[in-house]
Amino acid sequence: MASDKPVVVYPPAEDGGRRVRVGDRFVGIAYGLLDVAAFLQEAGLQNWNEMDVVRSALIEWSGGGPDAWES
């Protein structure tokens, strides 16, 4: 089932990295909230920071919320 949210952060891998998808495009591996914010800035949300990432309803956190970075 596809997500209805434009951003998906996938469950942590063994190294703690989480794949990030924006729209239908995989944009990278995040190792923390700053990485997710950077991916979203590159996607056009220029002024986003870590708190915006934590609070956003645009993001689906699969396999754990914004505080889950270990498998």
N, C-alpha and C. Protein backbone atom coordinates (compact mmCIF):
# COMPACT_ATOMS: atom_id res chain seq x y z
N MET A 1 0.84 -1.18 0.00
CA MET A 1 0.00 0.00 0.00
C MET A 1 0.88 1.24 0.00
N ALA A 2 0.65 2.15 -0.90
CA ALA A 2 1.42 3.38 -1.01
C ALA A 2 0.99 4.37 0.08
N SER A 3 1.94 5.17 0.50
CA SER A 3 1.65 6.18 1.52
C SER A 3 0.89 7.35 0.89
N ASP A 4 0.01 7.96 1.68
CA ASP A 4 -0.69 9.14 1.21
C ASP A 4 0.06 10.41 1.62
N LYS A 5 1.20 10.25 2.27
CA LYS A 5 2.01 11.40 2.68
C LYS A 5 3.15 11.57 1.67
N PRO A 6 3.53 12.82 1.39
CA PRO A 6 4.54 13.05 0.37
C PRO A 6 5.97 12.65 0.76
N VAL A 7 6.23 12.49 2.05
CA VAL A 7 7.57 12.12 2.51
C VAL A 7 7.46 10.87 3.37
N VAL A 8 8.32 9.89 3.09
CA VAL A 8 8.36 8.67 3.89
C VAL A 8 9.79 8.47 4.38
N VAL A 9 9.93 8.26 5.69
CA VAL A 9 11.21 7.89 6.29
C VAL A 9 11.06 6.44 6.71
N TYR A 10 11.86 5.57 6.10
CA TYR A 10 11.74 4.13 6.30
C TYR A 10 12.42 3.69 7.60
N PRO A 11 12.17 2.44 8.03
CA PRO A 11 12.75 1.95 9.28
C PRO A 11 14.28 1.98 9.26
N PRO A 12 14.88 2.09 10.44
CA PRO A 12 16.34 2.11 10.52
C PRO A 12 16.96 0.81 10.02
N ALA A 13 18.06 0.94 9.29
CA ALA A 13 18.86 -0.21 8.88
C ALA A 13 19.80 -0.57 10.02
N GLU A 14 20.60 -1.58 9.82
CA GLU A 14 21.53 -2.02 10.87
C GLU A 14 22.50 -0.92 11.29
N ASP A 15 22.87 -0.05 10.34
CA ASP A 15 23.81 1.03 10.66
C ASP A 15 23.11 2.27 11.21
N GLY A 16 21.78 2.23 11.37
CA GLY A 16 21.03 3.35 11.90
C GLY A 16 20.52 4.31 10.84
N GLY A 17 20.95 4.13 9.60
CA GLY A 17 20.47 4.99 8.52
C GLY A 17 19.05 4.64 8.13
N ARG A 18 18.31 5.65 7.72
CA ARG A 18 16.93 5.46 7.30
C ARG A 18 16.76 6.03 5.90
N ARG A 19 16.24 5.21 4.97
CA ARG A 19 15.98 5.68 3.61
C ARG A 19 14.88 6.74 3.66
N VAL A 20 15.00 7.72 2.79
CA VAL A 20 14.04 8.81 2.72
C VAL A 20 13.52 8.93 1.29
N ARG A 21 12.20 8.97 1.16
CA ARG A 21 11.57 9.15 -0.13
C ARG A 21 10.74 10.42 -0.09
N VAL A 22 10.90 11.25 -1.12
CA VAL A 22 10.09 12.46 -1.28
C VAL A 22 9.33 12.29 -2.58
N GLY A 23 8.01 12.24 -2.47
CA GLY A 23 7.19 11.94 -3.65
C GLY A 23 7.47 10.52 -4.10
N ASP A 24 7.78 10.34 -5.35
CA ASP A 24 8.09 9.00 -5.85
C ASP A 24 9.59 8.80 -6.02
N ARG A 25 10.39 9.67 -5.40
CA ARG A 25 11.84 9.64 -5.58
C ARG A 25 12.57 9.36 -4.26
N PHE A 26 13.45 8.37 -4.29
CA PHE A 26 14.34 8.11 -3.16
C PHE A 26 15.42 9.19 -3.17
N VAL A 27 15.59 9.90 -2.04
CA VAL A 27 16.52 11.03 -2.02
C VAL A 27 17.79 10.78 -1.23
N GLY A 28 17.84 9.71 -0.45
CA GLY A 28 19.06 9.42 0.29
C GLY A 28 18.82 8.66 1.57
N ILE A 29 19.92 8.51 2.31
CA ILE A 29 19.90 7.84 3.61
C ILE A 29 20.16 8.90 4.68
N ALA A 30 19.26 8.99 5.63
CA ALA A 30 19.40 9.94 6.73
C ALA A 30 19.93 9.21 7.96
N TYR A 31 20.82 9.88 8.68
CA TYR A 31 21.35 9.34 9.93
C TYR A 31 20.92 10.19 11.12
N GLY A 32 20.03 11.13 10.87
CA GLY A 32 19.50 11.98 11.92
C GLY A 32 18.54 12.99 11.33
N LEU A 33 17.91 13.76 12.19
CA LEU A 33 16.91 14.73 11.76
C LEU A 33 17.50 15.80 10.86
N LEU A 34 18.75 16.17 11.09
CA LEU A 34 19.39 17.19 10.26
C LEU A 34 19.48 16.72 8.81
N ASP A 35 19.75 15.43 8.61
CA ASP A 35 19.79 14.88 7.25
C ASP A 35 18.42 14.96 6.58
N VAL A 36 17.37 14.59 7.32
CA VAL A 36 16.02 14.66 6.76
C VAL A 36 15.70 16.10 6.39
N ALA A 37 16.02 17.04 7.26
CA ALA A 37 15.78 18.46 6.96
C ALA A 37 16.54 18.89 5.71
N ALA A 38 17.78 18.43 5.56
CA ALA A 38 18.57 18.79 4.38
C ALA A 38 17.94 18.24 3.10
N PHE A 39 17.44 17.00 3.14
CA PHE A 39 16.77 16.44 1.97
C PHE A 39 15.53 17.26 1.61
N LEU A 40 14.79 17.68 2.62
CA LEU A 40 13.57 18.46 2.36
C LEU A 40 13.92 19.86 1.85
N GLN A 41 15.01 20.42 2.32
CA GLN A 41 15.46 21.71 1.80
C GLN A 41 15.81 21.58 0.32
N GLU A 42 16.49 20.50 -0.04
CA GLU A 42 16.84 20.26 -1.44
C GLU A 42 15.58 20.06 -2.29
N ALA A 43 14.51 19.56 -1.68
CA ALA A 43 13.25 19.34 -2.39
C ALA A 43 12.41 20.61 -2.49
N GLY A 44 12.88 21.70 -1.89
CA GLY A 44 12.18 22.97 -2.04
C GLY A 44 11.65 23.59 -0.76
N LEU A 45 11.75 22.91 0.35
CA LEU A 45 11.30 23.47 1.63
C LEU A 45 12.51 24.15 2.30
N GLN A 46 12.89 25.29 1.76
CA GLN A 46 14.17 25.94 2.06
C GLN A 46 14.45 26.23 3.53
N ASN A 47 13.47 26.62 4.27
CA ASN A 47 13.73 27.05 5.64
C ASN A 47 13.45 25.99 6.70
N TRP A 48 13.30 24.74 6.28
CA TRP A 48 12.99 23.68 7.24
C TRP A 48 14.20 23.32 8.09
N ASN A 49 13.93 23.05 9.38
CA ASN A 49 14.98 22.58 10.29
C ASN A 49 14.49 21.31 10.98
N GLU A 50 15.25 20.84 11.95
CA GLU A 50 14.91 19.58 12.63
C GLU A 50 13.55 19.63 13.32
N MET A 51 13.20 20.75 13.90
CA MET A 51 11.90 20.85 14.59
C MET A 51 10.74 20.80 13.59
N ASP A 52 10.93 21.36 12.41
CA ASP A 52 9.90 21.26 11.38
C ASP A 52 9.70 19.81 10.98
N VAL A 53 10.80 19.07 10.88
CA VAL A 53 10.74 17.65 10.53
C VAL A 53 9.96 16.88 11.59
N VAL A 54 10.25 17.12 12.85
CA VAL A 54 9.59 16.41 13.94
C VAL A 54 8.09 16.71 13.97
N ARG A 55 7.71 17.94 13.71
CA ARG A 55 6.31 18.37 13.85
C ARG A 55 5.46 18.15 12.61
N SER A 56 6.07 17.87 11.46
CA SER A 56 5.33 17.88 10.20
C SER A 56 4.37 16.70 10.04
N ALA A 57 3.18 17.01 9.59
CA ALA A 57 2.20 15.97 9.25
C ALA A 57 2.42 15.47 7.82
N LEU A 58 3.39 16.03 7.10
CA LEU A 58 3.70 15.60 5.73
C LEU A 58 4.56 14.35 5.70
N ILE A 59 5.12 13.98 6.86
CA ILE A 59 6.09 12.89 6.91
C ILE A 59 5.48 11.66 7.55
N GLU A 60 5.64 10.53 6.88
CA GLU A 60 5.27 9.24 7.46
C GLU A 60 6.54 8.60 8.01
N TRP A 61 6.54 8.29 9.29
CA TRP A 61 7.67 7.64 9.94
C TRP A 61 7.38 6.16 10.03
N SER A 62 7.98 5.40 9.17
CA SER A 62 7.76 3.95 9.12
C SER A 62 8.80 3.25 9.99
N GLY A 63 8.34 2.40 10.89
CA GLY A 63 9.28 1.65 11.73
C GLY A 63 9.85 2.43 12.88
N GLY A 64 9.17 3.46 13.32
CA GLY A 64 9.62 4.25 14.44
C GLY A 64 9.57 5.73 14.11
N GLY A 65 9.35 6.54 15.11
CA GLY A 65 9.22 7.97 14.92
C GLY A 65 10.53 8.68 14.71
N PRO A 66 10.53 9.99 14.82
CA PRO A 66 11.73 10.78 14.56
C PRO A 66 12.87 10.56 15.57
N ASP A 67 12.59 9.84 16.63
CA ASP A 67 13.65 9.57 17.61
C ASP A 67 14.25 8.16 17.44
N ALA A 68 13.81 7.41 16.45
CA ALA A 68 14.29 6.03 16.24
C ALA A 68 15.36 6.00 15.16
N TRP A 69 16.61 5.83 15.56
CA TRP A 69 17.72 5.79 14.61
C TRP A 69 18.59 4.55 14.77
N GLU A 70 18.15 3.60 15.53
CA GLU A 70 18.87 2.32 15.67
C GLU A 70 17.93 1.20 15.30
N SER A 71 18.47 0.15 14.65
CA SER A 71 17.61 -0.97 14.24
C SER A 71 17.24 -1.84 15.41
